[in-house]
Amino acid sequence: MTDSEVAVAAATAGSSLVLDRFGGTLTRIDKGRGDFATDVDLAAEAVILDVIRSERPRDAIEGEESGSTGSQLDGRAWLVDPI
């Protein structure tokens, strides 16, 4: 897959999860300083990261909810903000 195809696959996976959960009950998770996430934010980011990690295991990822992972061995860094 090209980087663009990985990005589209990751976005598709995340959006599918969000659409499946649309209209349902959300669990609010306090992040401090007036900021919060929901269980859907965390789940969407997890499926997005799964796609990126499966296709680009050596890339660094900065996730809004999960923070930094990876070592950027191939010179790429992905920035993920699920919602």
N, C-alpha and C. Protein backbone atom coordinates (compact mmCIF):
# COMPACT_ATOMS: atom_id res chain seq x y z
N MET A 1 0.84 -1.20 0.00
CA MET A 1 0.00 0.00 0.00
C MET A 1 0.88 1.25 0.00
N THR A 2 0.43 2.25 -0.71
CA THR A 2 1.10 3.55 -0.64
C THR A 2 0.71 4.23 0.67
N ASP A 3 1.44 5.27 1.04
CA ASP A 3 1.09 6.02 2.24
C ASP A 3 -0.34 6.57 2.16
N SER A 4 -0.72 7.05 0.99
CA SER A 4 -2.08 7.58 0.81
C SER A 4 -3.12 6.48 1.02
N GLU A 5 -2.84 5.30 0.53
CA GLU A 5 -3.78 4.19 0.70
C GLU A 5 -3.87 3.77 2.17
N VAL A 6 -2.76 3.80 2.87
CA VAL A 6 -2.78 3.50 4.31
C VAL A 6 -3.63 4.54 5.03
N ALA A 7 -3.44 5.81 4.70
CA ALA A 7 -4.21 6.88 5.33
C ALA A 7 -5.71 6.71 5.09
N VAL A 8 -6.09 6.40 3.86
CA VAL A 8 -7.50 6.20 3.53
C VAL A 8 -8.06 4.98 4.26
N ALA A 9 -7.30 3.89 4.31
CA ALA A 9 -7.76 2.69 5.01
C ALA A 9 -7.93 2.95 6.50
N ALA A 10 -7.00 3.70 7.09
CA ALA A 10 -7.09 4.03 8.51
C ALA A 10 -8.30 4.92 8.78
N ALA A 11 -8.50 5.93 7.94
CA ALA A 11 -9.65 6.83 8.11
C ALA A 11 -10.97 6.08 7.92
N THR A 12 -11.00 5.17 6.98
CA THR A 12 -12.21 4.38 6.73
C THR A 12 -12.53 3.49 7.93
N ALA A 13 -11.50 2.86 8.50
CA ALA A 13 -11.71 2.01 9.67
C ALA A 13 -12.23 2.83 10.85
N GLY A 14 -11.63 3.99 11.08
CA GLY A 14 -12.08 4.85 12.18
C GLY A 14 -13.48 5.37 11.98
N SER A 15 -13.79 5.81 10.77
CA SER A 15 -15.12 6.37 10.51
C SER A 15 -16.20 5.29 10.57
N SER A 16 -15.87 4.08 10.18
CA SER A 16 -16.85 2.98 10.27
C SER A 16 -17.22 2.72 11.73
N LEU A 17 -16.22 2.72 12.60
CA LEU A 17 -16.50 2.51 14.02
C LEU A 17 -17.36 3.65 14.57
N VAL A 18 -17.02 4.88 14.23
CA VAL A 18 -17.79 6.03 14.72
C VAL A 18 -19.22 5.96 14.22
N LEU A 19 -19.42 5.64 12.96
CA LEU A 19 -20.78 5.53 12.42
C LEU A 19 -21.57 4.43 13.10
N ASP A 20 -20.92 3.32 13.41
CA ASP A 20 -21.60 2.22 14.11
C ASP A 20 -22.06 2.64 15.49
N ARG A 21 -21.31 3.53 16.13
CA ARG A 21 -21.63 3.96 17.50
C ARG A 21 -22.47 5.24 17.55
N PHE A 22 -22.72 5.85 16.39
CA PHE A 22 -23.47 7.10 16.33
C PHE A 22 -24.85 6.94 16.98
N GLY A 23 -25.20 7.89 17.84
CA GLY A 23 -26.50 7.88 18.49
C GLY A 23 -26.56 7.03 19.74
N GLY A 24 -25.49 6.31 20.02
CA GLY A 24 -25.47 5.46 21.21
C GLY A 24 -24.99 6.22 22.44
N THR A 25 -24.94 5.53 23.53
CA THR A 25 -24.47 6.10 24.78
C THR A 25 -22.95 6.20 24.76
N LEU A 26 -22.45 7.35 25.18
CA LEU A 26 -21.01 7.57 25.24
C LEU A 26 -20.55 7.58 26.69
N THR A 27 -19.35 7.08 26.91
CA THR A 27 -18.73 7.17 28.22
C THR A 27 -17.68 8.27 28.16
N ARG A 28 -17.83 9.25 29.04
CA ARG A 28 -16.92 10.40 29.08
C ARG A 28 -15.71 10.04 29.95
N ILE A 29 -14.52 10.36 29.44
CA ILE A 29 -13.28 10.09 30.15
C ILE A 29 -12.56 11.42 30.36
N ASP A 30 -12.40 11.81 31.62
CA ASP A 30 -11.76 13.09 31.95
C ASP A 30 -10.26 13.02 31.70
N LYS A 31 -9.75 13.97 30.92
CA LYS A 31 -8.32 14.04 30.64
C LYS A 31 -7.64 15.14 31.46
N GLY A 32 -8.41 15.85 32.27
CA GLY A 32 -7.86 16.93 33.09
C GLY A 32 -7.93 18.27 32.38
N ARG A 33 -7.81 19.32 33.17
CA ARG A 33 -7.80 20.70 32.66
C ARG A 33 -9.00 21.01 31.76
N GLY A 34 -10.14 20.45 32.10
CA GLY A 34 -11.36 20.72 31.33
C GLY A 34 -11.46 19.97 30.03
N ASP A 35 -10.54 19.08 29.76
CA ASP A 35 -10.53 18.32 28.50
C ASP A 35 -11.06 16.91 28.77
N PHE A 36 -11.69 16.33 27.77
CA PHE A 36 -12.19 14.97 27.92
C PHE A 36 -12.18 14.25 26.59
N ALA A 37 -12.29 12.94 26.68
CA ALA A 37 -12.45 12.08 25.51
C ALA A 37 -13.65 11.19 25.79
N THR A 38 -14.07 10.45 24.79
CA THR A 38 -15.13 9.46 25.01
C THR A 38 -14.58 8.09 24.65
N ASP A 39 -15.33 7.08 25.05
CA ASP A 39 -14.93 5.72 24.69
C ASP A 39 -14.87 5.54 23.18
N VAL A 40 -15.67 6.29 22.45
CA VAL A 40 -15.64 6.20 20.99
C VAL A 40 -14.36 6.85 20.44
N ASP A 41 -13.91 7.96 21.03
CA ASP A 41 -12.63 8.56 20.64
C ASP A 41 -11.51 7.52 20.77
N LEU A 42 -11.47 6.86 21.92
CA LEU A 42 -10.41 5.88 22.18
C LEU A 42 -10.50 4.69 21.22
N ALA A 43 -11.71 4.20 21.00
CA ALA A 43 -11.89 3.04 20.12
C ALA A 43 -11.54 3.39 18.67
N ALA A 44 -11.96 4.58 18.22
CA ALA A 44 -11.65 5.00 16.85
C ALA A 44 -10.15 5.14 16.67
N GLU A 45 -9.48 5.76 17.63
CA GLU A 45 -8.03 5.89 17.52
C GLU A 45 -7.37 4.50 17.50
N ALA A 46 -7.86 3.58 18.30
CA ALA A 46 -7.27 2.23 18.35
C ALA A 46 -7.35 1.53 16.99
N VAL A 47 -8.49 1.61 16.31
CA VAL A 47 -8.59 0.93 15.01
C VAL A 47 -7.76 1.64 13.95
N ILE A 48 -7.66 2.97 14.04
CA ILE A 48 -6.81 3.72 13.13
C ILE A 48 -5.34 3.30 13.32
N LEU A 49 -4.92 3.24 14.57
CA LEU A 49 -3.54 2.84 14.86
C LEU A 49 -3.26 1.41 14.41
N ASP A 50 -4.23 0.54 14.58
CA ASP A 50 -4.06 -0.86 14.13
C ASP A 50 -3.75 -0.92 12.63
N VAL A 51 -4.48 -0.14 11.85
CA VAL A 51 -4.26 -0.13 10.40
C VAL A 51 -2.85 0.40 10.09
N ILE A 52 -2.49 1.51 10.70
CA ILE A 52 -1.18 2.10 10.42
C ILE A 52 -0.07 1.15 10.86
N ARG A 53 -0.19 0.60 12.06
CA ARG A 53 0.86 -0.30 12.57
C ARG A 53 1.00 -1.57 11.72
N SER A 54 -0.12 -2.07 11.19
CA SER A 54 -0.02 -3.29 10.39
C SER A 54 0.68 -3.03 9.06
N GLU A 55 0.53 -1.83 8.52
CA GLU A 55 1.14 -1.49 7.23
C GLU A 55 2.48 -0.78 7.35
N ARG A 56 2.68 -0.06 8.43
CA ARG A 56 3.91 0.72 8.62
C ARG A 56 4.44 0.52 10.05
N PRO A 57 4.85 -0.70 10.40
CA PRO A 57 5.24 -1.01 11.78
C PRO A 57 6.47 -0.23 12.28
N ARG A 58 7.26 0.31 11.39
CA ARG A 58 8.46 1.03 11.80
C ARG A 58 8.26 2.55 11.89
N ASP A 59 7.06 3.02 11.62
CA ASP A 59 6.78 4.45 11.65
C ASP A 59 6.41 4.92 13.06
N ALA A 60 6.70 6.18 13.32
CA ALA A 60 6.26 6.81 14.56
C ALA A 60 4.81 7.27 14.41
N ILE A 61 4.09 7.25 15.51
CA ILE A 61 2.70 7.71 15.52
C ILE A 61 2.50 8.60 16.72
N GLU A 62 1.85 9.73 16.51
CA GLU A 62 1.45 10.62 17.59
C GLU A 62 -0.06 10.63 17.61
N GLY A 63 -0.64 9.95 18.61
CA GLY A 63 -2.09 9.89 18.74
C GLY A 63 -2.60 10.88 19.77
N GLU A 64 -3.69 11.55 19.45
CA GLU A 64 -4.24 12.52 20.40
C GLU A 64 -4.53 11.88 21.74
N GLU A 65 -5.07 10.67 21.73
CA GLU A 65 -5.45 10.01 22.97
C GLU A 65 -4.34 9.12 23.54
N SER A 66 -3.54 8.51 22.68
CA SER A 66 -2.58 7.51 23.16
C SER A 66 -1.14 8.02 23.25
N GLY A 67 -0.87 9.20 22.73
CA GLY A 67 0.47 9.74 22.81
C GLY A 67 1.39 9.19 21.72
N SER A 68 2.69 9.25 21.99
CA SER A 68 3.70 8.87 21.00
C SER A 68 4.07 7.40 21.09
N THR A 69 4.18 6.77 19.92
CA THR A 69 4.66 5.40 19.84
C THR A 69 5.55 5.28 18.61
N GLY A 70 6.36 4.25 18.59
CA GLY A 70 7.21 4.01 17.42
C GLY A 70 8.49 4.82 17.48
N SER A 71 9.39 4.50 16.55
CA SER A 71 10.70 5.12 16.60
C SER A 71 11.06 5.91 15.35
N GLN A 72 10.15 6.00 14.42
CA GLN A 72 10.37 6.75 13.17
C GLN A 72 11.61 6.24 12.43
N LEU A 73 11.81 4.92 12.44
CA LEU A 73 12.98 4.34 11.77
C LEU A 73 12.97 4.57 10.27
N ASP A 74 11.80 4.70 9.68
CA ASP A 74 11.72 4.92 8.24
C ASP A 74 11.48 6.39 7.90
N GLY A 75 11.58 7.26 8.88
CA GLY A 75 11.48 8.69 8.62
C GLY A 75 10.07 9.24 8.54
N ARG A 76 9.06 8.39 8.77
CA ARG A 76 7.67 8.86 8.71
C ARG A 76 7.11 8.98 10.12
N ALA A 77 6.23 9.95 10.29
CA ALA A 77 5.46 10.09 11.53
C ALA A 77 4.01 10.37 11.15
N TRP A 78 3.10 9.67 11.77
CA TRP A 78 1.67 9.83 11.53
C TRP A 78 1.08 10.60 12.71
N LEU A 79 0.23 11.57 12.43
CA LEU A 79 -0.49 12.33 13.44
C LEU A 79 -1.95 11.91 13.38
N VAL A 80 -2.47 11.41 14.50
CA VAL A 80 -3.82 10.84 14.51
C VAL A 80 -4.69 11.60 15.50
N ASP A 81 -5.76 12.19 15.01
CA ASP A 81 -6.80 12.82 15.82
C ASP A 81 -8.10 12.19 15.36
N PRO A 82 -8.63 11.23 16.14
CA PRO A 82 -9.70 10.37 15.64
C PRO A 82 -11.02 11.08 15.34
N ILE A 83 -11.35 12.12 16.09
CA ILE A 83 -12.65 12.77 15.85
C ILE A 83 -12.44 14.28 15.85
